[in-house]
Amino acid sequence: MNTMNERISAIGVVPVIKLNHPERDAAGLAKALCAGGVGVAEVTFRAAGADLAIRLMKEACPDMLVGAGTVTNTDQIDAVIAAGGDFIVSPGFDPELVAYAQEKNIPVYPGCTTASEYHQALKFGLEVIKFFPAEQSGGLAKIKALAAPFPMFKIMPTGGISLKNLKEYLSCPAVAACGGSYMVTADLIDNNRWDEITRLCEESVKIVKEVRENG
């Protein structure tokens, strides 16, 4: 795997974040995540100002990996790059977006849940792909089934992941890391419950270490 993929895989869990007030919350959130041992974040364009949030999180924690999620057009990719973002995540597989991200030399993780989408990812030389929405698309059973004809991919399942099933997903050899919003819910962020976010990250890191040490 390339360096970015290796770093994300080493952390093992990727918080998927919707920030409604980046000026107020971005820096505190970045510090809370890093304090919990999770130095990576996917800031989604489901809220306006995702590129601003990325810039502010990078300024607060320069060594943190901060990428953009729910990316659906090339203008957003340009905005993420301008903000200093590290990677792009899209909900589905859009060949135009993948090609544009690769042209701009920024790692891209498109959503793939079918054999046809895996085929497209293969043509673009991708190593790691997002599996979204994970639970609703067949979960681990489908990930394992698709891993048989496509053993070259590592998967980042997102959607329905929690502390309850994180260990189960990470125990699958095909899974590189899991995306989740359970440690960055709207309630936690809006109420600046940074200590609780840090605690949930620490719990996640414990699970990652347990799986990696025993696997």
Protein backbone atom coordinates (compact mmCIF):
# COMPACT_ATOMS: atom_id res chain seq x y z
CA MET A 1 0.00 0.00 0.00
CA ASN A 2 1.08 3.59 -0.50
CA THR A 3 2.00 5.81 2.44
CA MET A 4 -1.45 7.36 2.89
CA ASN A 5 -3.16 3.97 2.84
CA GLU A 6 -0.64 2.60 5.33
CA ARG A 7 -1.14 5.50 7.73
CA ILE A 8 -4.94 5.20 7.66
CA SER A 9 -4.75 1.43 8.05
CA ALA A 10 -2.39 1.80 11.01
CA ILE A 11 -4.90 4.01 12.82
CA GLY A 12 -7.72 1.60 11.94
CA VAL A 13 -10.70 3.88 12.45
CA VAL A 14 -11.74 7.02 10.54
CA PRO A 15 -14.21 9.44 12.17
CA VAL A 16 -16.80 10.63 9.64
CA ILE A 17 -17.69 14.19 10.59
CA LYS A 18 -20.40 16.68 9.77
CA LEU A 19 -19.39 20.10 11.11
CA ASN A 20 -22.12 22.73 11.17
CA HIS A 21 -19.95 25.39 12.82
CA PRO A 22 -16.35 24.90 11.70
CA GLU A 23 -15.09 28.22 13.05
CA ARG A 24 -16.29 27.27 16.53
CA ASP A 25 -15.69 23.53 16.62
CA ALA A 26 -13.00 22.43 14.16
CA ALA A 27 -9.90 23.06 16.26
CA GLY A 28 -11.35 21.60 19.46
CA LEU A 29 -12.55 18.52 17.62
CA ALA A 30 -9.18 17.93 15.97
CA LYS A 31 -7.41 18.13 19.32
CA ALA A 32 -9.96 15.79 20.95
CA LEU A 33 -9.52 13.17 18.22
CA CYS A 34 -5.72 13.31 18.36
CA ALA A 35 -5.77 13.15 22.16
CA GLY A 36 -7.68 9.87 21.80
CA GLY A 37 -5.10 8.43 19.42
CA VAL A 38 -7.15 8.91 16.25
CA GLY A 39 -5.12 11.25 14.07
CA VAL A 40 -7.38 11.07 11.02
CA ALA A 41 -10.75 12.52 10.05
CA GLU A 42 -13.14 12.56 7.10
CA VAL A 43 -15.02 15.88 7.03
CA THR A 44 -18.10 15.53 4.86
CA PHE A 45 -19.56 18.03 2.45
CA ARG A 46 -22.98 17.24 3.92
CA ALA A 47 -22.51 20.57 5.71
CA ALA A 48 -21.30 23.79 4.15
CA GLY A 49 -17.77 24.87 4.90
CA ALA A 50 -16.13 21.44 4.86
CA ASP A 51 -13.05 22.92 3.22
CA LEU A 52 -12.82 25.57 5.96
CA ALA A 53 -13.15 22.85 8.61
CA ILE A 54 -10.34 20.90 6.99
CA ARG A 55 -8.05 23.93 6.96
CA LEU A 56 -8.79 24.77 10.60
CA MET A 57 -8.28 21.17 11.75
CA LYS A 58 -4.96 20.98 9.91
CA GLU A 59 -3.87 24.25 11.49
CA ALA A 60 -4.76 22.98 14.97
CA CYS A 61 -3.10 19.58 14.44
CA PRO A 62 -0.62 19.76 11.52
CA ASP A 63 0.33 16.07 11.68
CA MET A 64 -3.28 14.93 11.49
CA LEU A 65 -4.66 13.37 8.29
CA VAL A 66 -7.78 15.33 7.34
CA GLY A 67 -9.72 14.48 4.20
CA ALA A 68 -13.11 15.25 2.71
CA GLY A 69 -16.13 12.99 2.47
CA THR A 70 -19.33 13.07 0.41
CA VAL A 71 -17.35 14.58 -2.45
CA THR A 72 -19.54 14.64 -5.55
CA ASN A 73 -17.90 17.12 -7.95
CA THR A 74 -14.50 18.33 -9.08
CA ASP A 75 -14.96 21.81 -7.61
CA GLN A 76 -15.05 20.22 -4.16
CA ILE A 77 -11.80 18.38 -4.90
CA ASP A 78 -10.18 21.72 -5.83
CA ALA A 79 -11.48 23.26 -2.59
CA VAL A 80 -10.10 20.39 -0.50
CA ILE A 81 -6.68 20.67 -2.12
CA ALA A 82 -6.64 24.44 -1.57
CA ALA A 83 -7.50 23.85 2.10
CA GLY A 84 -4.59 21.45 2.52
CA GLY A 85 -6.74 18.31 2.67
CA ASP A 86 -5.08 14.92 2.50
CA PHE A 87 -7.59 12.68 0.74
CA ILE A 88 -10.96 12.44 -1.00
CA VAL A 89 -13.87 10.09 -0.21
CA SER A 90 -16.93 9.80 -2.44
CA PRO A 91 -20.16 7.96 -1.64
CA GLY A 92 -20.19 6.11 -4.96
CA PHE A 93 -17.89 5.31 -7.86
CA ASP A 94 -17.69 8.21 -10.32
CA PRO A 95 -14.95 7.59 -12.93
CA GLU A 96 -14.66 11.33 -13.64
CA LEU A 97 -14.03 12.16 -9.98
CA VAL A 98 -11.52 9.34 -9.52
CA ALA A 99 -9.62 10.37 -12.65
CA TYR A 100 -9.61 14.03 -11.59
CA ALA A 101 -8.34 13.22 -8.09
CA GLN A 102 -5.57 11.06 -9.53
CA GLU A 103 -4.68 13.84 -11.97
CA LYS A 104 -4.36 16.18 -8.97
CA ASN A 105 -2.29 13.59 -7.05
CA ILE A 106 -4.63 13.39 -4.06
CA PRO A 107 -5.63 9.92 -2.75
CA VAL A 108 -9.24 9.01 -3.48
CA TYR A 109 -11.48 6.38 -1.88
CA PRO A 110 -14.70 5.88 -3.86
CA GLY A 111 -17.69 3.98 -2.54
CA CYS A 112 -17.95 0.49 -4.06
CA THR A 113 -20.41 -2.24 -3.06
CA THR A 114 -20.81 -4.29 -6.24
CA ALA A 115 -18.58 -6.45 -8.41
CA SER A 116 -19.02 -3.97 -11.27
CA GLU A 117 -17.75 -1.10 -9.11
CA TYR A 118 -14.83 -3.21 -7.91
CA HIS A 119 -13.99 -3.83 -11.58
CA GLN A 120 -13.90 -0.08 -12.23
CA ALA A 121 -11.71 0.49 -9.17
CA LEU A 122 -9.33 -2.15 -10.48
CA LYS A 123 -9.00 -0.32 -13.80
CA PHE A 124 -7.97 2.84 -11.94
CA GLY A 125 -5.30 0.99 -9.97
CA LEU A 126 -6.87 1.69 -6.57
CA GLU A 127 -5.64 -0.25 -3.55
CA VAL A 128 -8.19 0.81 -0.93
CA ILE A 129 -11.88 1.46 -1.55
CA LYS A 130 -14.78 2.55 0.61
CA PHE A 131 -17.67 0.13 1.19
CA PHE A 132 -20.74 2.30 1.79
CA PRO A 133 -23.29 1.96 3.26
CA ALA A 134 -21.70 -1.10 4.84
CA GLU A 135 -24.41 -2.63 7.00
CA GLN A 136 -27.21 -1.83 4.56
CA SER A 137 -25.24 -3.27 1.63
CA GLY A 138 -24.63 -6.71 3.10
CA GLY A 139 -21.98 -5.98 5.71
CA LEU A 140 -19.13 -8.37 6.39
CA ALA A 141 -20.75 -11.22 4.51
CA LYS A 142 -20.69 -9.25 1.27
CA ILE A 143 -17.21 -7.84 1.90
CA LYS A 144 -15.89 -11.38 2.34
CA ALA A 145 -17.75 -12.61 -0.74
CA LEU A 146 -16.31 -9.83 -2.92
CA ALA A 147 -12.83 -10.41 -1.49
CA ALA A 148 -12.73 -13.82 -3.15
CA PRO A 149 -12.59 -12.54 -6.77
CA PHE A 150 -10.95 -9.23 -5.74
CA PRO A 151 -8.25 -10.11 -3.17
CA MET A 152 -6.14 -7.14 -4.26
CA PHE A 153 -8.36 -4.60 -2.48
CA LYS A 154 -8.39 -3.44 1.11
CA ILE A 155 -11.76 -2.13 2.26
CA MET A 156 -12.92 0.80 4.41
CA PRO A 157 -16.47 -0.09 5.47
CA THR A 158 -18.57 2.89 6.56
CA GLY A 159 -22.21 3.02 7.60
CA GLY A 160 -23.57 1.23 10.64
CA ILE A 161 -20.16 0.80 12.29
CA SER A 162 -20.07 1.21 16.08
CA LEU A 163 -18.09 0.08 19.10
CA LYS A 164 -20.34 -3.00 19.14
CA ASN A 165 -19.26 -4.33 15.74
CA LEU A 166 -15.90 -2.58 15.20
CA LYS A 167 -13.91 -5.61 16.35
CA GLU A 168 -15.86 -7.93 14.06
CA TYR A 169 -15.19 -5.76 11.01
CA LEU A 170 -11.53 -5.16 11.79
CA SER A 171 -10.98 -8.90 12.28
CA CYS A 172 -11.69 -9.42 8.57
CA PRO A 173 -8.37 -9.58 6.65
CA ALA A 174 -9.86 -7.54 3.79
CA VAL A 175 -10.64 -4.56 6.03
CA ALA A 176 -8.00 -1.83 6.28
CA ALA A 177 -9.92 0.57 8.53
CA CYS A 178 -13.49 1.37 9.52
CA GLY A 179 -15.27 4.66 9.07
CA GLY A 180 -17.73 5.71 11.75
CA SER A 181 -19.59 8.65 13.24
CA TYR A 182 -20.33 7.14 16.67
CA MET A 183 -17.45 9.08 18.26
CA VAL A 184 -18.37 12.36 16.53
CA THR A 185 -22.16 12.58 16.77
CA ALA A 186 -23.92 15.92 16.38
CA ASP A 187 -24.73 15.97 20.08
CA LEU A 188 -21.11 15.48 21.11
CA ILE A 189 -19.81 18.12 18.71
CA ASP A 190 -22.52 20.75 19.21
CA ASN A 191 -22.09 20.52 22.98
CA ASN A 192 -18.28 20.51 22.77
CA ARG A 193 -18.05 17.25 24.67
CA TRP A 194 -14.39 16.87 23.74
CA ASP A 195 -13.56 14.59 26.68
CA GLU A 196 -16.24 12.09 25.61
CA ILE A 197 -15.02 12.17 22.02
CA THR A 198 -11.50 11.47 23.26
CA ARG A 199 -12.78 8.60 25.42
CA LEU A 200 -14.65 7.00 22.52
CA CYS A 201 -11.53 7.31 20.36
CA GLU A 202 -9.46 5.64 23.07
CA GLU A 203 -11.97 2.78 23.23
CA SER A 204 -11.74 2.42 19.46
CA VAL A 205 -7.94 2.40 19.53
CA LYS A 206 -7.99 -0.34 22.16
CA ILE A 207 -10.11 -2.49 19.88
CA VAL A 208 -7.83 -1.83 16.92
CA LYS A 209 -4.74 -2.80 18.94
CA GLU A 210 -6.42 -5.92 20.29
CA VAL A 211 -7.35 -7.10 16.81
CA ARG A 212 -3.93 -6.32 15.33
CA GLU A 213 -2.04 -7.98 18.17
CA ASN A 214 -4.13 -11.13 18.05
CA GLY A 215 -4.45 -11.23 14.28
